């Protein structure tokens, strides 16, 4: 599939503004996130709520990043988890129905 840049190129122009995120920066961030996740134990991956300060320091040291980067990844995960829970029960379908008129031709049926 390629890097983040190739993925961004496949998105409709109305959704993503060109130059908003450089492909190199996106690839670098993705590699950093993968390193952080790989530095976690299986239990920490399954239940991120158990990650306290000492675990965050260990994960940061193991992945070669700052503790702030680990905090940022955990915050992004928890926010995405909250959004996905709010979309449960058909809300996503309603939201996509609202965008139906604004999506490019052929995109709404996928």
PDB file of N, CA and C in Angstrom:
ATOM      1  N   UNK A   1       0.835  -1.190   0.000  1.00  0.00           N
ATOM      2  CA  UNK A   1       0.000   0.000   0.000  1.00  0.00           C
ATOM      3  C   UNK A   1       0.870   1.240   0.000  1.00  0.00           C
ATOM      4  N   UNK A   2       2.045   1.174   0.566  1.00  0.00           N
ATOM      5  CA  UNK A   2       2.899   2.348   0.600  1.00  0.00           C
ATOM      6  C   UNK A   2       2.835   3.032   1.940  1.00  0.00           C
ATOM      7  N   UNK A   3       3.416   4.204   1.999  1.00  0.00           N
ATOM      8  CA  UNK A   3       3.439   4.962   3.238  1.00  0.00           C
ATOM      9  C   UNK A   3       2.190   5.782   3.454  1.00  0.00           C
ATOM     10  N   UNK A   4       2.263   6.664   4.422  1.00  0.00           N
ATOM     11  CA  UNK A   4       1.138   7.535   4.751  1.00  0.00           C
ATOM     12  C   UNK A   4       0.829   8.459   3.582  1.00  0.00           C
ATOM     13  N   UNK A   5       1.863   8.894   2.870  1.00  0.00           N
ATOM     14  CA  UNK A   5       1.667   9.774   1.721  1.00  0.00           C
ATOM     15  C   UNK A   5       0.814   9.129   0.641  1.00  0.00           C
ATOM     16  N   UNK A   6       1.052   7.842   0.376  1.00  0.00           N
ATOM     17  CA  UNK A   6       0.265   7.118  -0.618  1.00  0.00           C
ATOM     18  C   UNK A   6      -1.180   6.987  -0.157  1.00  0.00           C
ATOM     19  N   UNK A   7      -1.371   6.793   1.116  1.00  0.00           N
ATOM     20  CA  UNK A   7      -2.719   6.682   1.664  1.00  0.00           C
ATOM     21  C   UNK A   7      -3.450   8.018   1.574  1.00  0.00           C
ATOM     22  N   UNK A   8      -2.759   9.094   1.881  1.00  0.00           N
ATOM     23  CA  UNK A   8      -3.360  10.427   1.812  1.00  0.00           C
ATOM     24  C   UNK A   8      -3.741  10.778   0.385  1.00  0.00           C
ATOM     25  N   UNK A   9      -2.911  10.366  -0.589  1.00  0.00           N
ATOM     26  CA  UNK A   9      -3.214  10.641  -1.991  1.00  0.00           C
ATOM     27  C   UNK A   9      -4.492   9.962  -2.451  1.00  0.00           C
ATOM     28  N   UNK A  10      -4.858   8.850  -1.828  1.00  0.00           N
ATOM     29  CA  UNK A  10      -6.063   8.121  -2.217  1.00  0.00           C
ATOM     30  C   UNK A  10      -7.344   8.735  -1.648  1.00  0.00           C
ATOM     31  N   UNK A  11      -7.219   9.597  -0.649  1.00  0.00           N
ATOM     32  CA  UNK A  11      -8.398  10.224  -0.050  1.00  0.00           C
ATOM     33  C   UNK A  11      -8.910  11.339  -0.948  1.00  0.00           C
ATOM     34  N   UNK A  12     -10.213  11.584  -0.927  1.00  0.00           N
ATOM     35  CA  UNK A  12     -10.760  12.670  -1.741  1.00  0.00           C
ATOM     36  C   UNK A  12     -10.162  14.009  -1.335  1.00  0.00           C
ATOM     37  N   UNK A  13     -10.016  14.908  -2.293  1.00  0.00           N
ATOM     38  CA  UNK A  13      -9.415  16.215  -2.046  1.00  0.00           C
ATOM     39  C   UNK A  13     -10.198  17.061  -1.062  1.00  0.00           C
ATOM     40  N   UNK A  14     -11.507  16.870  -0.998  1.00  0.00           N
ATOM     41  CA  UNK A  14     -12.322  17.654  -0.075  1.00  0.00           C
ATOM     42  C   UNK A  14     -12.071  17.253   1.372  1.00  0.00           C
ATOM     43  N   UNK A  15     -11.643  16.018   1.581  1.00  0.00           N
ATOM     44  CA  UNK A  15     -11.441  15.526   2.935  1.00  0.00           C
ATOM     45  C   UNK A  15     -10.095  15.957   3.492  1.00  0.00           C
ATOM     46  N   UNK A  16      -9.057  15.905   2.664  1.00  0.00           N
ATOM     47  CA  UNK A  16      -7.708  16.200   3.126  1.00  0.00           C
ATOM     48  C   UNK A  16      -7.136  17.344   2.315  1.00  0.00           C
ATOM     49  N   UNK A  17      -6.677  18.376   2.994  1.00  0.00           N
ATOM     50  CA  UNK A  17      -6.022  19.490   2.318  1.00  0.00           C
ATOM     51  C   UNK A  17      -4.596  19.093   2.010  1.00  0.00           C
ATOM     52  N   UNK A  18      -4.177  19.351   0.799  1.00  0.00           N
ATOM     53  CA  UNK A  18      -2.818  19.005   0.397  1.00  0.00           C
ATOM     54  C   UNK A  18      -1.830  19.802   1.231  1.00  0.00           C
ATOM     55  N   UNK A  19      -0.796  19.137   1.700  1.00  0.00           N
ATOM     56  CA  UNK A  19       0.239  19.795   2.481  1.00  0.00           C
ATOM     57  C   UNK A  19      -0.086  19.944   3.948  1.00  0.00           C
ATOM     58  N   UNK A  20      -1.250  19.495   4.388  1.00  0.00           N
ATOM     59  CA  UNK A  20      -1.606  19.622   5.801  1.00  0.00           C
ATOM     60  C   UNK A  20      -0.687  18.757   6.657  1.00  0.00           C
ATOM     61  N   UNK A  21      -0.369  17.564   6.188  1.00  0.00           N
ATOM     62  CA  UNK A  21       0.536  16.664   6.893  1.00  0.00           C
ATOM     63  C   UNK A  21       1.528  16.141   5.862  1.00  0.00           C
ATOM     64  N   UNK A  22       2.804  16.327   6.132  1.00  0.00           N
ATOM     65  CA  UNK A  22       3.789  15.809   5.184  1.00  0.00           C
ATOM     66  C   UNK A  22       3.848  14.294   5.317  1.00  0.00           C
ATOM     67  N   UNK A  23       4.113  13.634   4.226  1.00  0.00           N
ATOM     68  CA  UNK A  23       4.169  12.176   4.226  1.00  0.00           C
ATOM     69  C   UNK A  23       5.306  11.684   5.110  1.00  0.00           C
ATOM     70  N   UNK A  24       6.441  12.378   5.080  1.00  0.00           N
ATOM     71  CA  UNK A  24       7.575  11.953   5.899  1.00  0.00           C
ATOM     72  C   UNK A  24       7.264  12.069   7.382  1.00  0.00           C
ATOM     73  N   UNK A  25       6.582  13.155   7.767  1.00  0.00           N
ATOM     74  CA  UNK A  25       6.211  13.343   9.168  1.00  0.00           C
ATOM     75  C   UNK A  25       5.221  12.265   9.595  1.00  0.00           C
ATOM     76  N   UNK A  26       4.265  11.940   8.727  1.00  0.00           N
ATOM     77  CA  UNK A  26       3.285  10.903   9.040  1.00  0.00           C
ATOM     78  C   UNK A  26       3.932   9.546   9.210  1.00  0.00           C
ATOM     79  N   UNK A  27       4.886   9.227   8.323  1.00  0.00           N
ATOM     80  CA  UNK A  27       5.596   7.952   8.438  1.00  0.00           C
ATOM     81  C   UNK A  27       6.422   7.895   9.716  1.00  0.00           C
ATOM     82  N   UNK A  28       7.059   9.004  10.051  1.00  0.00           N
ATOM     83  CA  UNK A  28       7.886   9.062  11.263  1.00  0.00           C
ATOM     84  C   UNK A  28       7.012   8.871  12.506  1.00  0.00           C
ATOM     85  N   UNK A  29       5.869   9.548  12.528  1.00  0.00           N
ATOM     86  CA  UNK A  29       4.964   9.418  13.671  1.00  0.00           C
ATOM     87  C   UNK A  29       4.439   7.988  13.796  1.00  0.00           C
ATOM     88  N   UNK A  30       4.128   7.373  12.663  1.00  0.00           N
ATOM     89  CA  UNK A  30       3.619   6.009  12.685  1.00  0.00           C
ATOM     90  C   UNK A  30       4.676   5.036  13.210  1.00  0.00           C
ATOM     91  N   UNK A  31       5.916   5.192  12.765  1.00  0.00           N
ATOM     92  CA  UNK A  31       7.001   4.328  13.259  1.00  0.00           C
ATOM     93  C   UNK A  31       7.208   4.525  14.759  1.00  0.00           C
ATOM     94  N   UNK A  32       7.090   5.765  15.218  1.00  0.00           N
ATOM     95  CA  UNK A  32       7.250   6.054  16.641  1.00  0.00           C
ATOM     96  C   UNK A  32       6.125   5.387  17.448  1.00  0.00           C
ATOM     97  N   UNK A  33       4.895   5.459  16.944  1.00  0.00           N
ATOM     98  CA  UNK A  33       3.770   4.847  17.639  1.00  0.00           C
ATOM     99  C   UNK A  33       3.910   3.328  17.692  1.00  0.00           C
ATOM    100  N   UNK A  34       4.390   2.732  16.606  1.00  0.00           N
ATOM    101  CA  UNK A  34       4.598   1.290  16.581  1.00  0.00           C
ATOM    102  C   UNK A  34       5.665   0.899  17.596  1.00  0.00           C
ATOM    103  N   UNK A  35       6.734   1.689  17.691  1.00  0.00           N
ATOM    104  CA  UNK A  35       7.796   1.401  18.665  1.00  0.00           C
ATOM    105  C   UNK A  35       7.251   1.480  20.088  1.00  0.00           C
ATOM    106  N   UNK A  36       6.411   2.462  20.361  1.00  0.00           N
ATOM    107  CA  UNK A  36       5.828   2.597  21.703  1.00  0.00           C
ATOM    108  C   UNK A  36       4.959   1.388  22.022  1.00  0.00           C
ATOM    109  N   UNK A  37       4.111   0.993  21.088  1.00  0.00           N
ATOM    110  CA  UNK A  37       3.213  -0.142  21.312  1.00  0.00           C
ATOM    111  C   UNK A  37       4.008  -1.431  21.483  1.00  0.00           C
ATOM    112  N   UNK A  38       5.076  -1.593  20.696  1.00  0.00           N
ATOM    113  CA  UNK A  38       5.904  -2.796  20.824  1.00  0.00           C
ATOM    114  C   UNK A  38       6.647  -2.850  22.158  1.00  0.00           C
ATOM    115  N   UNK A  39       6.842  -1.710  22.805  1.00  0.00           N
ATOM    116  CA  UNK A  39       7.523  -1.671  24.105  1.00  0.00           C
ATOM    117  C   UNK A  39       6.579  -1.982  25.260  1.00  0.00           C
ATOM    118  N   UNK A  40       5.295  -2.112  24.990  1.00  0.00           N
ATOM    119  CA  UNK A  40       4.315  -2.436  26.026  1.00  0.00           C
ATOM    120  C   UNK A  40       4.214  -3.946  26.187  1.00  0.00           C
ATOM    121  N   UNK A  41       3.861  -4.369  27.390  1.00  0.00           N
ATOM    122  CA  UNK A  41       3.588  -5.786  27.616  1.00  0.00           C
ATOM    123  C   UNK A  41       2.210  -6.108  27.047  1.00  0.00           C
ATOM    124  N   UNK A  42       1.913  -7.378  26.910  1.00  0.00           N
ATOM    125  CA  UNK A  42       0.615  -7.800  26.393  1.00  0.00           C
ATOM    126  C   UNK A  42      -0.515  -7.291  27.295  1.00  0.00           C
ATOM    127  N   UNK A  43      -0.298  -7.333  28.604  1.00  0.00           N
ATOM    128  CA  UNK A  43      -1.308  -6.844  29.546  1.00  0.00           C
ATOM    129  C   UNK A  43      -1.556  -5.352  29.403  1.00  0.00           C
ATOM    130  N   UNK A  44      -0.497  -4.595  29.146  1.00  0.00           N
ATOM    131  CA  UNK A  44      -0.644  -3.147  28.966  1.00  0.00           C
ATOM    132  C   UNK A  44      -1.377  -2.830  27.668  1.00  0.00           C
ATOM    133  N   UNK A  45      -1.150  -3.632  26.649  1.00  0.00           N
ATOM    134  CA  UNK A  45      -1.862  -3.420  25.378  1.00  0.00           C
ATOM    135  C   UNK A  45      -3.339  -3.719  25.535  1.00  0.00           C
ATOM    136  N   UNK A  46      -3.645  -4.756  26.305  1.00  0.00           N
ATOM    137  CA  UNK A  46      -5.052  -5.140  26.490  1.00  0.00           C
ATOM    138  C   UNK A  46      -5.796  -4.184  27.404  1.00  0.00           C
ATOM    139  N   UNK A  47      -5.106  -3.649  28.415  1.00  0.00           N
ATOM    140  CA  UNK A  47      -5.745  -2.761  29.388  1.00  0.00           C
ATOM    141  C   UNK A  47      -4.848  -1.544  29.625  1.00  0.00           C
ATOM    142  N   UNK A  48      -4.921  -0.537  28.755  1.00  0.00           N
ATOM    143  CA  UNK A  48      -4.034   0.622  28.892  1.00  0.00           C
ATOM    144  C   UNK A  48      -4.256   1.408  30.186  1.00  0.00           C
ATOM    145  N   UNK A  49      -5.341   1.163  30.857  1.00  0.00           N
ATOM    146  CA  UNK A  49      -5.612   1.859  32.105  1.00  0.00           C
ATOM    147  C   UNK A  49      -4.641   1.505  33.219  1.00  0.00           C
ATOM    148  N   UNK A  50      -3.942   0.392  33.091  1.00  0.00           N
ATOM    149  CA  UNK A  50      -3.002  -0.009  34.135  1.00  0.00           C
ATOM    150  C   UNK A  50      -1.653   0.683  34.005  1.00  0.00           C
ATOM    151  N   UNK A  51      -1.459   1.461  32.947  1.00  0.00           N
ATOM    152  CA  UNK A  51      -0.157   2.100  32.715  1.00  0.00           C
ATOM    153  C   UNK A  51      -0.033   3.320  33.618  1.00  0.00           C
ATOM    154  N   UNK A  52       0.836   3.193  34.624  1.00  0.00           N
ATOM    155  CA  UNK A  52       1.080   4.300  35.546  1.00  0.00           C
ATOM    156  C   UNK A  52       2.397   4.986  35.173  1.00  0.00           C
ATOM    157  N   UNK A  53       2.861   5.885  36.021  1.00  0.00           N
ATOM    158  CA  UNK A  53       4.049   6.679  35.724  1.00  0.00           C
ATOM    159  C   UNK A  53       5.305   5.868  35.493  1.00  0.00           C
ATOM    160  N   UNK A  54       5.548   4.863  36.337  1.00  0.00           N
ATOM    161  CA  UNK A  54       6.764   4.061  36.172  1.00  0.00           C
ATOM    162  C   UNK A  54       6.689   3.215  34.902  1.00  0.00           C
ATOM    163  N   UNK A  55       5.521   2.720  34.571  1.00  0.00           N
ATOM    164  CA  UNK A  55       5.360   1.954  33.330  1.00  0.00           C
ATOM    165  C   UNK A  55       5.563   2.878  32.121  1.00  0.00           C
ATOM    166  N   UNK A  56       5.056   4.109  32.202  1.00  0.00           N
ATOM    167  CA  UNK A  56       5.243   5.063  31.099  1.00  0.00           C
ATOM    168  C   UNK A  56       6.729   5.345  30.883  1.00  0.00           C
ATOM    169  N   UNK A  57       7.477   5.502  31.968  1.00  0.00           N
ATOM    170  CA  UNK A  57       8.925   5.738  31.845  1.00  0.00           C
ATOM    171  C   UNK A  57       9.621   4.531  31.216  1.00  0.00           C
ATOM    172  N   UNK A  58       9.221   3.321  31.624  1.00  0.00           N
ATOM    173  CA  UNK A  58       9.815   2.111  31.061  1.00  0.00           C
ATOM    174  C   UNK A  58       9.495   1.988  29.573  1.00  0.00           C
ATOM    175  N   UNK A  59       8.249   2.259  29.204  1.00  0.00           N
ATOM    176  CA  UNK A  59       7.841   2.174  27.801  1.00  0.00           C
ATOM    177  C   UNK A  59       8.602   3.209  26.972  1.00  0.00           C
ATOM    178  N   UNK A  60       8.731   4.426  27.497  1.00  0.00           N
ATOM    179  CA  UNK A  60       9.455   5.484  26.785  1.00  0.00           C
ATOM    180  C   UNK A  60      10.915   5.099  26.587  1.00  0.00           C
ATOM    181  N   UNK A  61      11.542   4.549  27.626  1.00  0.00           N
ATOM    182  CA  UNK A  61      12.947   4.143  27.520  1.00  0.00           C
ATOM    183  C   UNK A  61      13.104   2.994  26.527  1.00  0.00           C
ATOM    184  N   UNK A  62      12.180   2.077  26.539  1.00  0.00           N
ATOM    185  CA  UNK A  62      12.250   0.924  25.642  1.00  0.00           C
ATOM    186  C   UNK A  62      12.021   1.259  24.187  1.00  0.00           C
ATOM    187  N   UNK A  63      11.262   2.322  23.945  1.00  0.00           N
ATOM    188  CA  UNK A  63      10.959   2.697  22.560  1.00  0.00           C
ATOM    189  C   UNK A  63      11.821   3.847  22.065  1.00  0.00           C
ATOM    190  N   UNK A  64      12.628   4.447  22.948  1.00  0.00           N
ATOM    191  CA  UNK A  64      13.516   5.525  22.532  1.00  0.00           C
ATOM    192  C   UNK A  64      12.819   6.852  22.314  1.00  0.00           C
ATOM    193  N   UNK A  65      11.730   7.092  23.031  1.00  0.00           N
ATOM    194  CA  UNK A  65      10.992   8.350  22.912  1.00  0.00           C
ATOM    195  C   UNK A  65      10.865   8.990  24.294  1.00  0.00           C
ATOM    196  N   UNK A  66      10.292  10.169  24.335  1.00  0.00           N
ATOM    197  CA  UNK A  66      10.047  10.863  25.593  1.00  0.00           C
ATOM    198  C   UNK A  66       8.750  10.348  26.224  1.00  0.00           C
ATOM    199  N   UNK A  67       8.611  10.551  27.507  1.00  0.00           N
ATOM    200  CA  UNK A  67       7.391  10.156  28.220  1.00  0.00           C
ATOM    201  C   UNK A  67       6.185  10.909  27.646  1.00  0.00           C
ATOM    202  N   UNK A  68       6.396  12.132  27.197  1.00  0.00           N
ATOM    203  CA  UNK A  68       5.311  12.922  26.610  1.00  0.00           C
ATOM    204  C   UNK A  68       4.743  12.244  25.361  1.00  0.00           C
ATOM    205  N   UNK A  69       5.604  11.575  24.586  1.00  0.00           N
ATOM    206  CA  UNK A  69       5.133  10.863  23.396  1.00  0.00           C
ATOM    207  C   UNK A  69       4.249   9.681  23.784  1.00  0.00           C
ATOM    208  N   UNK A  70       4.618   8.987  24.855  1.00  0.00           N
ATOM    209  CA  UNK A  70       3.790   7.881  25.348  1.00  0.00           C
ATOM    210  C   UNK A  70       2.451   8.427  25.834  1.00  0.00           C
ATOM    211  N   UNK A  71       2.490   9.538  26.566  1.00  0.00           N
ATOM    212  CA  UNK A  71       1.255  10.161  27.051  1.00  0.00           C
ATOM    213  C   UNK A  71       0.357  10.566  25.887  1.00  0.00           C
ATOM    214  N   UNK A  72       0.954  11.129  24.840  1.00  0.00           N
ATOM    215  CA  UNK A  72       0.192  11.578  23.672  1.00  0.00           C
ATOM    216  C   UNK A  72      -0.497  10.390  22.991  1.00  0.00           C
ATOM    217  N   UNK A  73       0.229   9.276  22.836  1.00  0.00           N
ATOM    218  CA  UNK A  73      -0.353   8.090  22.206  1.00  0.00           C
ATOM    219  C   UNK A  73      -1.502   7.538  23.040  1.00  0.00           C
ATOM    220  N   UNK A  74      -1.323   7.463  24.351  1.00  0.00           N
ATOM    221  CA  UNK A  74      -2.385   6.963  25.223  1.00  0.00           C
ATOM    222  C   UNK A  74      -3.607   7.873  25.178  1.00  0.00           C
ATOM    223  N   UNK A  75      -3.376   9.173  25.126  1.00  0.00           N
ATOM    224  CA  UNK A  75      -4.486  10.126  25.049  1.00  0.00           C
ATOM    225  C   UNK A  75      -5.242   9.964  23.732  1.00  0.00           C
ATOM    226  N   UNK A  76      -4.505   9.792  22.620  1.00  0.00           N
ATOM    227  CA  UNK A  76      -5.146   9.578  21.324  1.00  0.00           C
ATOM    228  C   UNK A  76      -5.974   8.301  21.341  1.00  0.00           C
ATOM    229  N   UNK A  77      -5.434   7.250  21.944  1.00  0.00           N
ATOM    230  CA  UNK A  77      -6.158   5.988  22.014  1.00  0.00           C
ATOM    231  C   UNK A  77      -7.454   6.138  22.803  1.00  0.00           C
ATOM    232  N   UNK A  78      -7.363   6.759  23.969  1.00  0.00           N
ATOM    233  CA  UNK A  78      -8.555   6.911  24.808  1.00  0.00           C
ATOM    234  C   UNK A  78      -9.606   7.786  24.130  1.00  0.00           C
ATOM    235  N   UNK A  79      -9.172   8.818  23.417  1.00  0.00           N
ATOM    236  CA  UNK A  79     -10.111   9.683  22.697  1.00  0.00           C
ATOM    237  C   UNK A  79     -10.789   8.906  21.564  1.00  0.00           C
ATOM    238  N   UNK A  80     -10.013   8.120  20.828  1.00  0.00           N
ATOM    239  CA  UNK A  80     -10.589   7.325  19.743  1.00  0.00           C
ATOM    240  C   UNK A  80     -11.534   6.264  20.295  1.00  0.00           C
ATOM    241  N   UNK A  81     -11.190   5.691  21.420  1.00  0.00           N
ATOM    242  CA  UNK A  81     -12.063   4.715  22.064  1.00  0.00           C
ATOM    243  C   UNK A  81     -13.392   5.365  22.447  1.00  0.00           C
ATOM    244  N   UNK A  82     -13.330   6.579  22.975  1.00  0.00           N
ATOM    245  CA  UNK A  82     -14.547   7.302  23.358  1.00  0.00           C
ATOM    246  C   UNK A  82     -15.405   7.598  22.130  1.00  0.00           C
ATOM    247  N   UNK A  83     -14.779   8.017  21.037  1.00  0.00           N
ATOM    248  CA  UNK A  83     -15.512   8.332  19.806  1.00  0.00           C
ATOM    249  C   UNK A  83     -16.175   7.070  19.250  1.00  0.00           C
ATOM    250  N   UNK A  84     -15.440   5.950  19.243  1.00  0.00           N
ATOM    251  CA  UNK A  84     -16.007   4.705  18.713  1.00  0.00           C
ATOM    252  C   UNK A  84     -17.181   4.221  19.564  1.00  0.00           C
ATOM    253  N   UNK A  85     -17.085   4.386  20.873  1.00  0.00           N
ATOM    254  CA  UNK A  85     -18.207   4.009  21.724  1.00  0.00           C
ATOM    255  C   UNK A  85     -19.414   4.895  21.464  1.00  0.00           C
ATOM    256  N   UNK A  86     -19.177   6.177  21.167  1.00  0.00           N
ATOM    257  CA  UNK A  86     -20.299   7.074  20.898  1.00  0.00           C
ATOM    258  C   UNK A  86     -20.949   6.760  19.556  1.00  0.00           C
ATOM    259  N   UNK A  87     -20.217   6.129  18.641  1.00  0.00           N
ATOM    260  CA  UNK A  87     -20.759   5.776  17.328  1.00  0.00           C
ATOM    261  C   UNK A  87     -21.514   4.453  17.356  1.00  0.00           C
ATOM    262  N   UNK A  88     -21.480   3.774  18.478  1.00  0.00           N
ATOM    263  CA  UNK A  88     -22.140   2.487  18.634  1.00  0.00           C
ATOM    264  C   UNK A  88     -23.659   2.661  18.520  1.00  0.00           C
ATOM    265  N   UNK A  89     -24.322   1.680  17.968  1.00  0.00           N
ATOM    266  CA  UNK A  89     -25.773   1.704  17.938  1.00  0.00           C
ATOM    267  C   UNK A  89     -26.363   2.467  16.764  1.00  0.00           C
ATOM    268  N   UNK A  90     -25.661   2.556  15.653  1.00  0.00           N
ATOM    269  CA  UNK A  90     -26.230   3.173  14.466  1.00  0.00           C
ATOM    270  C   UNK A  90     -25.946   4.646  14.295  1.00  0.00           C
ATOM    271  N   UNK A  91     -25.256   5.259  15.224  1.00  0.00           N
ATOM    272  CA  UNK A  91     -24.957   6.687  15.087  1.00  0.00           C
ATOM    273  C   UNK A  91     -24.027   6.963  13.911  1.00  0.00           C
ATOM    274  N   UNK A  92     -23.115   6.022  13.645  1.00  0.00           N
ATOM    275  CA  UNK A  92     -22.198   6.179  12.520  1.00  0.00           C
ATOM    276  C   UNK A  92     -22.973   6.198  11.209  1.00  0.00           C
ATOM    277  N   UNK A  93     -23.958   5.332  11.082  1.00  0.00           N
ATOM    278  CA  UNK A  93     -24.769   5.282   9.860  1.00  0.00           C
ATOM    279  C   UNK A  93     -25.515   6.599   9.661  1.00  0.00           C
ATOM    280  N   UNK A  94     -26.052   7.167  10.738  1.00  0.00           N
ATOM    281  CA  UNK A  94     -26.740   8.446  10.652  1.00  0.00           C
ATOM    282  C   UNK A  94     -25.781   9.557  10.247  1.00  0.00           C
ATOM    283  N   UNK A  95     -24.588   9.542  10.821  1.00  0.00           N
ATOM    284  CA  UNK A  95     -23.587  10.546  10.496  1.00  0.00           C
ATOM    285  C   UNK A  95     -23.191  10.453   9.030  1.00  0.00           C
ATOM    286  N   UNK A  96     -22.969   9.244   8.537  1.00  0.00           N
ATOM    287  CA  UNK A  96     -22.603   9.068   7.135  1.00  0.00           C
ATOM    288  C   UNK A  96     -23.763   9.468   6.227  1.00  0.00           C
ATOM    289  N   UNK A  97     -24.998   9.272   6.677  1.00  0.00           N
ATOM    290  CA  UNK A  97     -26.158   9.705   5.900  1.00  0.00           C
ATOM    291  C   UNK A  97     -26.190  11.215   5.748  1.00  0.00           C
ATOM    292  N   UNK A  98     -25.728  11.923   6.765  1.00  0.00           N
ATOM    293  CA  UNK A  98     -25.694  13.384   6.699  1.00  0.00           C
ATOM    294  C   UNK A  98     -24.656  13.863   5.694  1.00  0.00           C
ATOM    295  N   UNK A  99     -23.585  13.087   5.506  1.00  0.00           N
ATOM    296  CA  UNK A  99     -22.526  13.465   4.571  1.00  0.00           C
ATOM    297  C   UNK A  99     -22.792  12.981   3.155  1.00  0.00           C
ATOM    298  N   UNK A 100     -23.823  12.197   2.951  1.00  0.00           N
ATOM    299  CA  UNK A 100     -24.053  11.564   1.665  1.00  0.00           C
ATOM    300  C   UNK A 100     -24.043  12.559   0.508  1.00  0.00           C
ATOM    301  N   UNK A 101     -24.666  13.695   0.678  1.00  0.00           N
ATOM    302  CA  UNK A 101     -24.716  14.680  -0.397  1.00  0.00           C
ATOM    303  C   UNK A 101     -23.383  15.338  -0.662  1.00  0.00           C
ATOM    304  N   UNK A 102     -22.490  15.368   0.330  1.00  0.00           N
ATOM    305  CA  UNK A 102     -21.217  16.068   0.187  1.00  0.00           C
ATOM    306  C   UNK A 102     -20.053  15.206  -0.241  1.00  0.00           C
ATOM    307  N   UNK A 103     -20.247  13.886  -0.326  1.00  0.00           N
ATOM    308  CA  UNK A 103     -19.160  13.003  -0.706  1.00  0.00           C
ATOM    309  C   UNK A 103     -19.031  12.927  -2.221  1.00  0.00           C
ATOM    310  N   UNK A 104     -17.844  12.657  -2.721  1.00  0.00           N
ATOM    311  CA  UNK A 104     -17.644  12.535  -4.165  1.00  0.00           C
ATOM    312  C   UNK A 104     -18.442  11.374  -4.737  1.00  0.00           C
ATOM    313  N   UNK A 105     -18.762  11.419  -6.042  1.00  0.00           N
ATOM    314  CA  UNK A 105     -19.523  10.327  -6.663  1.00  0.00           C
ATOM    315  C   UNK A 105     -18.805   9.002  -6.514  1.00  0.00           C
ATOM    316  N   UNK A 106     -19.558   7.964  -6.178  1.00  0.00           N
ATOM    317  CA  UNK A 106     -18.983   6.639  -6.020  1.00  0.00           C
ATOM    318  C   UNK A 106     -18.423   6.371  -4.646  1.00  0.00           C
ATOM    319  N   UNK A 107     -18.242   7.393  -3.837  1.00  0.00           N
ATOM    320  CA  UNK A 107     -17.649   7.223  -2.511  1.00  0.00           C
ATOM    321  C   UNK A 107     -18.707   6.813  -1.496  1.00  0.00           C
ATOM    322  N   UNK A 108     -19.945   7.280  -1.659  1.00  0.00           N
ATOM    323  CA  UNK A 108     -20.991   7.045  -0.671  1.00  0.00           C
ATOM    324  C   UNK A 108     -21.422   5.579  -0.623  1.00  0.00           C
ATOM    325  N   UNK A 109     -21.272   4.862  -1.719  1.00  0.00           N
ATOM    326  CA  UNK A 109     -21.720   3.483  -1.748  1.00  0.00           C
ATOM    327  C   UNK A 109     -20.764   2.506  -1.120  1.00  0.00           C
ATOM    328  N   UNK A 110     -19.565   2.925  -0.770  1.00  0.00           N
ATOM    329  CA  UNK A 110     -18.553   2.010  -0.225  1.00  0.00           C
ATOM    330  C   UNK A 110     -18.678   1.834   1.240  1.00  0.00           C
TER     331      UNK A 110
END
